[in-house]
Every structure is written in structure tokens, then in C-alpha cells.
């Protein structure tokens, strides 16, 4: 764990190295998390970088990043592995909450120019859905999601997000927050039949 918060320049450098290593090894990936949002106009992130990979690509992806000089870590969680480019954490996520990384996830993604590199970027709806699905009583963090929602509100299919998270209490609360903050009107979202 680094003893300082990484700069965005350090995160950019790690992203370029990681993408190049995975691309050279012909391992499919999607840029995910906050960087997928930043690539479309959301605020910069100062945290780790998330790359979404298929479960069957975990070991080849770790080998590719190791070959590029990164250090691997296999934590006890059963949905991601990690690599470190110096102090910068690269999360390789193969089992995000609320979705499967498969051909459908890749099809929903979008090729974008990010830091002068063309790369596949996770669909915004998938980013929001996974963040909402990951919330628990011990991990309720709306701050980054509200910032993302405010910055990218016109780019997100809110009906789709609502449908995919229907019945999740933290998602329901999130939509109340979005409505109260004037980011997305509750009246513009489909309501549950009944």
C-alpha cells in the first residue's frame, strides 16, 4: 500500500503500461470504474485503476503484467486479482457485483481514445450498476457516484440502470438522492407496475 495518494499522472502511466501489456498478450479487457467515467468527462480519480477481464483470462493477464515488470497479488476475494506498477494498484476484475464479464459486456463497451490510446471502455450503465450492486451496510459510498452522475447524466441510460438495479435498497435510495439533487427526475424513470 502506498504511503501517499498517487498523482493522476502516475495513474495515467500505469494505465498505459497495463493496456499495452494486455493488448500485446491479446487479452480482452475493458477500462472500468472511475477511469471509464473520466474517459467520458467525469472528474479525475486518485484511486486505483480497474480493468475488467473474463474469468478465464485471470492467469494470462497476471502473467502479462508481470512480464511488463509489475508485481502480482492474489487476494482472498474471489472476484479480482491485483497487480502493482510501483505503488499504483491495478485491479483486474473478473467478477464485478451485478454482472458478468462476457461477450455481452464487451459488446456494450465502447472504443474510445484515452490518453492517446484507443481502448475498449466499459458501458457507463455497467459502471453504475456494478457500483450500486457492491454497496452494503458496511460500504455505503454515494459521493463518487453522485459526482459521476452529475457530470455524465445525459450520457447514462437511467431507465436501464433503474431496471437492472430494481429492488436493491441502496439503488432505490440512490435514485431518491438523484431526484432530490435535480440530477435525474424520478418522473422521468419508469415506475414499477402495480
C-alpha atoms as a PDB file:
ATOM      1  CA  UNK A   1       0.000   0.000   0.000  1.00  0.00           C
ATOM      2  CA  UNK A   2       1.476   3.371  -0.962  1.00  0.00           C
ATOM      3  CA  UNK A   3       2.237   5.889   1.761  1.00  0.00           C
ATOM      4  CA  UNK A   4       0.983   8.723  -0.444  1.00  0.00           C
ATOM      5  CA  UNK A   5      -2.017   9.315  -2.647  1.00  0.00           C
ATOM      6  CA  UNK A   6      -0.889   8.708  -6.223  1.00  0.00           C
ATOM      7  CA  UNK A   7      -0.977  11.572  -8.676  1.00  0.00           C
ATOM      8  CA  UNK A   8      -3.170  11.331 -11.724  1.00  0.00           C
ATOM      9  CA  UNK A   9      -0.004  11.316 -13.857  1.00  0.00           C
ATOM     10  CA  UNK A  10       1.139   8.142 -12.045  1.00  0.00           C
ATOM     11  CA  UNK A  11      -2.243   6.526 -12.663  1.00  0.00           C
ATOM     12  CA  UNK A  12      -2.079   7.532 -16.346  1.00  0.00           C
ATOM     13  CA  UNK A  13       1.356   5.948 -16.668  1.00  0.00           C
ATOM     14  CA  UNK A  14       0.193   2.691 -15.041  1.00  0.00           C
ATOM     15  CA  UNK A  15      -2.876   2.619 -17.276  1.00  0.00           C
ATOM     16  CA  UNK A  16      -0.794   2.974 -20.440  1.00  0.00           C
ATOM     17  CA  UNK A  17       1.615   0.226 -19.332  1.00  0.00           C
ATOM     18  CA  UNK A  18      -1.207  -2.122 -18.313  1.00  0.00           C
ATOM     19  CA  UNK A  19      -3.190  -1.607 -21.501  1.00  0.00           C
ATOM     20  CA  UNK A  20      -0.089  -2.138 -23.651  1.00  0.00           C
ATOM     21  CA  UNK A  21       0.781  -5.361 -21.789  1.00  0.00           C
ATOM     22  CA  UNK A  22      -2.726  -6.806 -22.100  1.00  0.00           C
ATOM     23  CA  UNK A  23      -3.015  -5.739 -25.734  1.00  0.00           C
ATOM     24  CA  UNK A  24       0.372  -7.321 -26.585  1.00  0.00           C
ATOM     25  CA  UNK A  25      -0.764 -10.550 -24.896  1.00  0.00           C
ATOM     26  CA  UNK A  26      -4.068 -10.387 -26.837  1.00  0.00           C
ATOM     27  CA  UNK A  27      -6.139 -10.455 -23.639  1.00  0.00           C
ATOM     28  CA  UNK A  28      -9.542  -8.773 -23.984  1.00  0.00           C
ATOM     29  CA  UNK A  29     -10.258  -6.112 -21.350  1.00  0.00           C
ATOM     30  CA  UNK A  30     -12.466  -3.125 -20.638  1.00  0.00           C
ATOM     31  CA  UNK A  31     -11.364   0.008 -18.835  1.00  0.00           C
ATOM     32  CA  UNK A  32     -13.791   0.150 -15.920  1.00  0.00           C
ATOM     33  CA  UNK A  33     -14.617   2.021 -12.746  1.00  0.00           C
ATOM     34  CA  UNK A  34     -13.956   5.719 -12.270  1.00  0.00           C
ATOM     35  CA  UNK A  35     -11.493   5.879 -15.171  1.00  0.00           C
ATOM     36  CA  UNK A  36     -14.208   4.664 -17.570  1.00  0.00           C
ATOM     37  CA  UNK A  37     -16.222   7.648 -16.369  1.00  0.00           C
ATOM     38  CA  UNK A  38     -13.261  10.041 -16.530  1.00  0.00           C
ATOM     39  CA  UNK A  39     -12.704   8.987 -20.160  1.00  0.00           C
ATOM     40  CA  UNK A  40     -16.158  10.438 -20.884  1.00  0.00           C
ATOM     41  CA  UNK A  41     -15.822  13.678 -18.921  1.00  0.00           C
ATOM     42  CA  UNK A  42     -16.198  12.844 -15.204  1.00  0.00           C
ATOM     43  CA  UNK A  43     -13.683  14.183 -12.655  1.00  0.00           C
ATOM     44  CA  UNK A  44     -10.188  12.711 -12.337  1.00  0.00           C
ATOM     45  CA  UNK A  45      -9.699   9.827  -9.948  1.00  0.00           C
ATOM     46  CA  UNK A  46      -6.873   9.453  -7.452  1.00  0.00           C
ATOM     47  CA  UNK A  47      -7.510   5.811  -6.649  1.00  0.00           C
ATOM     48  CA  UNK A  48      -6.614   2.540  -8.310  1.00  0.00           C
ATOM     49  CA  UNK A  49      -7.408   1.684 -11.877  1.00  0.00           C
ATOM     50  CA  UNK A  50      -9.888  -1.019 -12.813  1.00  0.00           C
ATOM     51  CA  UNK A  51      -9.554  -3.293 -15.818  1.00  0.00           C
ATOM     52  CA  UNK A  52     -12.356  -5.763 -16.414  1.00  0.00           C
ATOM     53  CA  UNK A  53     -11.333  -9.176 -17.746  1.00  0.00           C
ATOM     54  CA  UNK A  54     -13.031 -12.522 -18.346  1.00  0.00           C
ATOM     55  CA  UNK A  55     -12.604 -15.121 -15.579  1.00  0.00           C
ATOM     56  CA  UNK A  56     -10.693 -17.417 -17.923  1.00  0.00           C
ATOM     57  CA  UNK A  57      -8.125 -14.660 -18.558  1.00  0.00           C
ATOM     58  CA  UNK A  58      -7.062 -14.108 -14.938  1.00  0.00           C
ATOM     59  CA  UNK A  59      -3.800 -16.046 -15.024  1.00  0.00           C
ATOM     60  CA  UNK A  60      -2.743 -14.922 -18.538  1.00  0.00           C
ATOM     61  CA  UNK A  61      -3.452 -11.303 -17.558  1.00  0.00           C
ATOM     62  CA  UNK A  62      -1.358 -11.570 -14.411  1.00  0.00           C
ATOM     63  CA  UNK A  63       1.489 -13.126 -16.405  1.00  0.00           C
ATOM     64  CA  UNK A  64       1.283 -10.315 -18.981  1.00  0.00           C
ATOM     65  CA  UNK A  65       1.500  -7.630 -16.305  1.00  0.00           C
ATOM     66  CA  UNK A  66       4.340  -9.457 -14.546  1.00  0.00           C
ATOM     67  CA  UNK A  67       6.219  -9.624 -17.861  1.00  0.00           C
ATOM     68  CA  UNK A  68       5.810  -5.826 -18.041  1.00  0.00           C
ATOM     69  CA  UNK A  69       7.541  -5.509 -14.655  1.00  0.00           C
ATOM     70  CA  UNK A  70       4.531  -5.359 -12.353  1.00  0.00           C
ATOM     71  CA  UNK A  71       4.078  -7.272  -9.119  1.00  0.00           C
ATOM     72  CA  UNK A  72       1.110  -9.636  -8.784  1.00  0.00           C
ATOM     73  CA  UNK A  73      -1.144 -10.150  -5.796  1.00  0.00           C
ATOM     74  CA  UNK A  74      -3.910 -12.722  -5.443  1.00  0.00           C
ATOM     75  CA  UNK A  75      -6.140 -11.561  -2.576  1.00  0.00           C
ATOM     76  CA  UNK A  76      -8.692 -13.785  -0.816  1.00  0.00           C
ATOM     77  CA  UNK A  77     -11.617 -12.106  -2.588  1.00  0.00           C
ATOM     78  CA  UNK A  78     -12.922 -14.259  -5.408  1.00  0.00           C
ATOM     79  CA  UNK A  79     -13.807 -11.536  -7.897  1.00  0.00           C
ATOM     80  CA  UNK A  80     -10.490  -9.782  -8.592  1.00  0.00           C
ATOM     81  CA  UNK A  81      -6.731 -10.055  -8.644  1.00  0.00           C
ATOM     82  CA  UNK A  82      -4.232  -7.220  -8.345  1.00  0.00           C
ATOM     83  CA  UNK A  83      -1.027  -6.009  -9.874  1.00  0.00           C
ATOM     84  CA  UNK A  84       1.181  -3.147  -8.749  1.00  0.00           C
ATOM     85  CA  UNK A  85       3.024  -0.827 -11.102  1.00  0.00           C
ATOM     86  CA  UNK A  86       5.328   0.593  -8.451  1.00  0.00           C
ATOM     87  CA  UNK A  87       2.852   1.947  -5.895  1.00  0.00           C
ATOM     88  CA  UNK A  88      -0.079   2.123  -8.331  1.00  0.00           C
ATOM     89  CA  UNK A  89      -2.697  -0.568  -7.848  1.00  0.00           C
ATOM     90  CA  UNK A  90      -4.184  -2.177 -10.948  1.00  0.00           C
ATOM     91  CA  UNK A  91      -7.333  -4.158 -10.171  1.00  0.00           C
ATOM     92  CA  UNK A  92      -8.102  -6.921 -12.655  1.00  0.00           C
ATOM     93  CA  UNK A  93     -11.797  -7.520 -12.008  1.00  0.00           C
ATOM     94  CA  UNK A  94     -13.361 -10.686 -13.354  1.00  0.00           C
ATOM     95  CA  UNK A  95     -16.476 -10.936 -11.182  1.00  0.00           C
ATOM     96  CA  UNK A  96     -17.950  -7.476 -10.538  1.00  0.00           C
ATOM     97  CA  UNK A  97     -21.134  -7.195  -8.479  1.00  0.00           C
ATOM     98  CA  UNK A  98     -24.286  -7.412 -10.537  1.00  0.00           C
ATOM     99  CA  UNK A  99     -22.887  -8.509 -13.887  1.00  0.00           C
ATOM    100  CA  UNK A 100     -20.743 -10.984 -15.758  1.00  0.00           C
ATOM    101  CA  UNK A 101     -17.716 -10.031 -17.830  1.00  0.00           C
ATOM    102  CA  UNK A 102     -18.515 -11.859 -21.038  1.00  0.00           C
ATOM    103  CA  UNK A 103     -19.064 -11.125 -24.716  1.00  0.00           C
ATOM    104  CA  UNK A 104     -22.205  -9.117 -23.855  1.00  0.00           C
ATOM    105  CA  UNK A 105     -20.206  -6.838 -21.548  1.00  0.00           C
ATOM    106  CA  UNK A 106     -17.616  -6.325 -24.287  1.00  0.00           C
ATOM    107  CA  UNK A 107     -20.368  -5.632 -26.836  1.00  0.00           C
ATOM    108  CA  UNK A 108     -21.883  -2.948 -24.575  1.00  0.00           C
ATOM    109  CA  UNK A 109     -18.465  -1.296 -24.195  1.00  0.00           C
ATOM    110  CA  UNK A 110     -17.203   1.423 -26.459  1.00  0.00           C
ATOM    111  CA  UNK A 111     -13.826   2.000 -28.099  1.00  0.00           C
ATOM    112  CA  UNK A 112     -12.558   5.420 -27.026  1.00  0.00           C
ATOM    113  CA  UNK A 113      -9.343   7.392 -27.293  1.00  0.00           C
ATOM    114  CA  UNK A 114      -7.955   7.516 -23.762  1.00  0.00           C
ATOM    115  CA  UNK A 115      -4.571   9.164 -23.201  1.00  0.00           C
ATOM    116  CA  UNK A 116      -3.857   8.926 -26.937  1.00  0.00           C
ATOM    117  CA  UNK A 117      -4.513   5.167 -26.900  1.00  0.00           C
ATOM    118  CA  UNK A 118      -7.583   3.537 -28.442  1.00  0.00           C
ATOM    119  CA  UNK A 119      -9.081   1.129 -25.904  1.00  0.00           C
ATOM    120  CA  UNK A 120     -12.370  -0.557 -25.011  1.00  0.00           C
ATOM    121  CA  UNK A 121     -14.190   1.232 -22.195  1.00  0.00           C
ATOM    122  CA  UNK A 122     -16.949  -0.247 -20.050  1.00  0.00           C
ATOM    123  CA  UNK A 123     -20.502   0.999 -20.690  1.00  0.00           C
ATOM    124  CA  UNK A 124     -21.479   3.731 -18.237  1.00  0.00           C
ATOM    125  CA  UNK A 125     -24.619   1.815 -17.290  1.00  0.00           C
ATOM    126  CA  UNK A 126     -22.453  -1.181 -16.346  1.00  0.00           C
ATOM    127  CA  UNK A 127     -20.193   1.023 -14.213  1.00  0.00           C
ATOM    128  CA  UNK A 128     -23.140   2.472 -12.292  1.00  0.00           C
ATOM    129  CA  UNK A 129     -24.864  -0.918 -11.923  1.00  0.00           C
ATOM    130  CA  UNK A 130     -21.741  -2.581 -10.520  1.00  0.00           C
ATOM    131  CA  UNK A 131     -21.113   0.282  -8.087  1.00  0.00           C
ATOM    132  CA  UNK A 132     -24.703   0.115  -6.823  1.00  0.00           C
ATOM    133  CA  UNK A 133     -24.613  -3.687  -6.544  1.00  0.00           C
ATOM    134  CA  UNK A 134     -21.401  -3.503  -4.493  1.00  0.00           C
ATOM    135  CA  UNK A 135     -22.970  -1.366  -1.760  1.00  0.00           C
ATOM    136  CA  UNK A 136     -23.658  -2.976   1.596  1.00  0.00           C
ATOM    137  CA  UNK A 137     -24.486  -1.729   5.075  1.00  0.00           C
ATOM    138  CA  UNK A 138     -20.730  -1.577   5.716  1.00  0.00           C
ATOM    139  CA  UNK A 139     -19.878   0.115   2.435  1.00  0.00           C
ATOM    140  CA  UNK A 140     -22.297   2.886   1.507  1.00  0.00           C
ATOM    141  CA  UNK A 141     -20.428   5.363  -0.665  1.00  0.00           C
ATOM    142  CA  UNK A 142     -22.543   7.643  -2.820  1.00  0.00           C
ATOM    143  CA  UNK A 143     -20.068  10.520  -3.176  1.00  0.00           C
ATOM    144  CA  UNK A 144     -18.249   9.323  -6.311  1.00  0.00           C
ATOM    145  CA  UNK A 145     -21.463   8.022  -7.877  1.00  0.00           C
ATOM    146  CA  UNK A 146     -23.157  11.377  -7.403  1.00  0.00           C
ATOM    147  CA  UNK A 147     -20.181  13.150  -8.985  1.00  0.00           C
ATOM    148  CA  UNK A 148     -20.219  10.731 -11.918  1.00  0.00           C
ATOM    149  CA  UNK A 149     -23.987  11.083 -12.280  1.00  0.00           C
ATOM    150  CA  UNK A 150     -23.855  14.876 -12.216  1.00  0.00           C
ATOM    151  CA  UNK A 151     -21.050  15.018 -14.801  1.00  0.00           C
ATOM    152  CA  UNK A 152     -22.409  12.355 -17.153  1.00  0.00           C
ATOM    153  CA  UNK A 153     -26.173  12.435 -16.585  1.00  0.00           C
ATOM    154  CA  UNK A 154     -27.031  12.940 -20.264  1.00  0.00           C
ATOM    155  CA  UNK A 155     -24.817  10.015 -21.329  1.00  0.00           C
ATOM    156  CA  UNK A 156     -26.328   7.410 -18.987  1.00  0.00           C
ATOM    157  CA  UNK A 157     -29.440   5.389 -19.816  1.00  0.00           C
ATOM    158  CA  UNK A 158     -31.105   5.832 -16.420  1.00  0.00           C
ATOM    159  CA  UNK A 159     -34.059   3.623 -17.347  1.00  0.00           C
ATOM    160  CA  UNK A 160     -31.668   0.738 -17.947  1.00  0.00           C
ATOM    161  CA  UNK A 161     -29.797   1.344 -14.694  1.00  0.00           C
ATOM    162  CA  UNK A 162     -33.079   1.527 -12.773  1.00  0.00           C
ATOM    163  CA  UNK A 163     -34.349  -1.687 -14.335  1.00  0.00           C
ATOM    164  CA  UNK A 164     -31.111  -3.580 -13.654  1.00  0.00           C
ATOM    165  CA  UNK A 165     -30.995  -2.454 -10.012  1.00  0.00           C
ATOM    166  CA  UNK A 166     -34.707  -2.603  -9.204  1.00  0.00           C
ATOM    167  CA  UNK A 167     -35.289  -3.840  -5.664  1.00  0.00           C
ATOM    168  CA  UNK A 168     -31.785  -3.104  -4.381  1.00  0.00           C
ATOM    169  CA  UNK A 169     -32.337  -0.838  -1.358  1.00  0.00           C
ATOM    170  CA  UNK A 170     -29.164   1.206  -1.875  1.00  0.00           C
ATOM    171  CA  UNK A 171     -30.033   1.680  -5.549  1.00  0.00           C
ATOM    172  CA  UNK A 172     -33.542   2.800  -4.624  1.00  0.00           C
ATOM    173  CA  UNK A 173     -32.033   5.310  -2.166  1.00  0.00           C
ATOM    174  CA  UNK A 174     -29.598   6.477  -4.839  1.00  0.00           C
ATOM    175  CA  UNK A 175     -32.438   7.345  -7.197  1.00  0.00           C
ATOM    176  CA  UNK A 176     -34.125   9.326  -4.406  1.00  0.00           C
ATOM    177  CA  UNK A 177     -30.854  11.254  -3.993  1.00  0.00           C
ATOM    178  CA  UNK A 178     -30.594  11.868  -7.757  1.00  0.00           C
ATOM    179  CA  UNK A 179     -34.157  13.180  -7.825  1.00  0.00           C
ATOM    180  CA  UNK A 180     -33.665  15.366  -4.732  1.00  0.00           C
ATOM    181  CA  UNK A 181     -30.472  16.854  -6.174  1.00  0.00           C
ATOM    182  CA  UNK A 182     -32.151  17.532  -9.518  1.00  0.00           C
ATOM    183  CA  UNK A 183     -29.735  15.269 -11.381  1.00  0.00           C
ATOM    184  CA  UNK A 184     -32.380  12.861 -12.686  1.00  0.00           C
ATOM    185  CA  UNK A 185     -36.100  13.374 -12.253  1.00  0.00           C
ATOM    186  CA  UNK A 186     -37.949  10.472 -10.678  1.00  0.00           C
ATOM    187  CA  UNK A 187     -40.833  11.280 -13.010  1.00  0.00           C
ATOM    188  CA  UNK A 188     -38.635  10.530 -15.999  1.00  0.00           C
ATOM    189  CA  UNK A 189     -37.952   6.992 -14.767  1.00  0.00           C
ATOM    190  CA  UNK A 190     -40.321   4.107 -15.278  1.00  0.00           C
ATOM    191  CA  UNK A 191     -42.109   3.094 -12.126  1.00  0.00           C
ATOM    192  CA  UNK A 192     -42.702  -0.430 -11.005  1.00  0.00           C
ATOM    193  CA  UNK A 193     -46.015  -1.800 -12.290  1.00  0.00           C
ATOM    194  CA  UNK A 194     -48.656  -2.131  -9.700  1.00  0.00           C
END
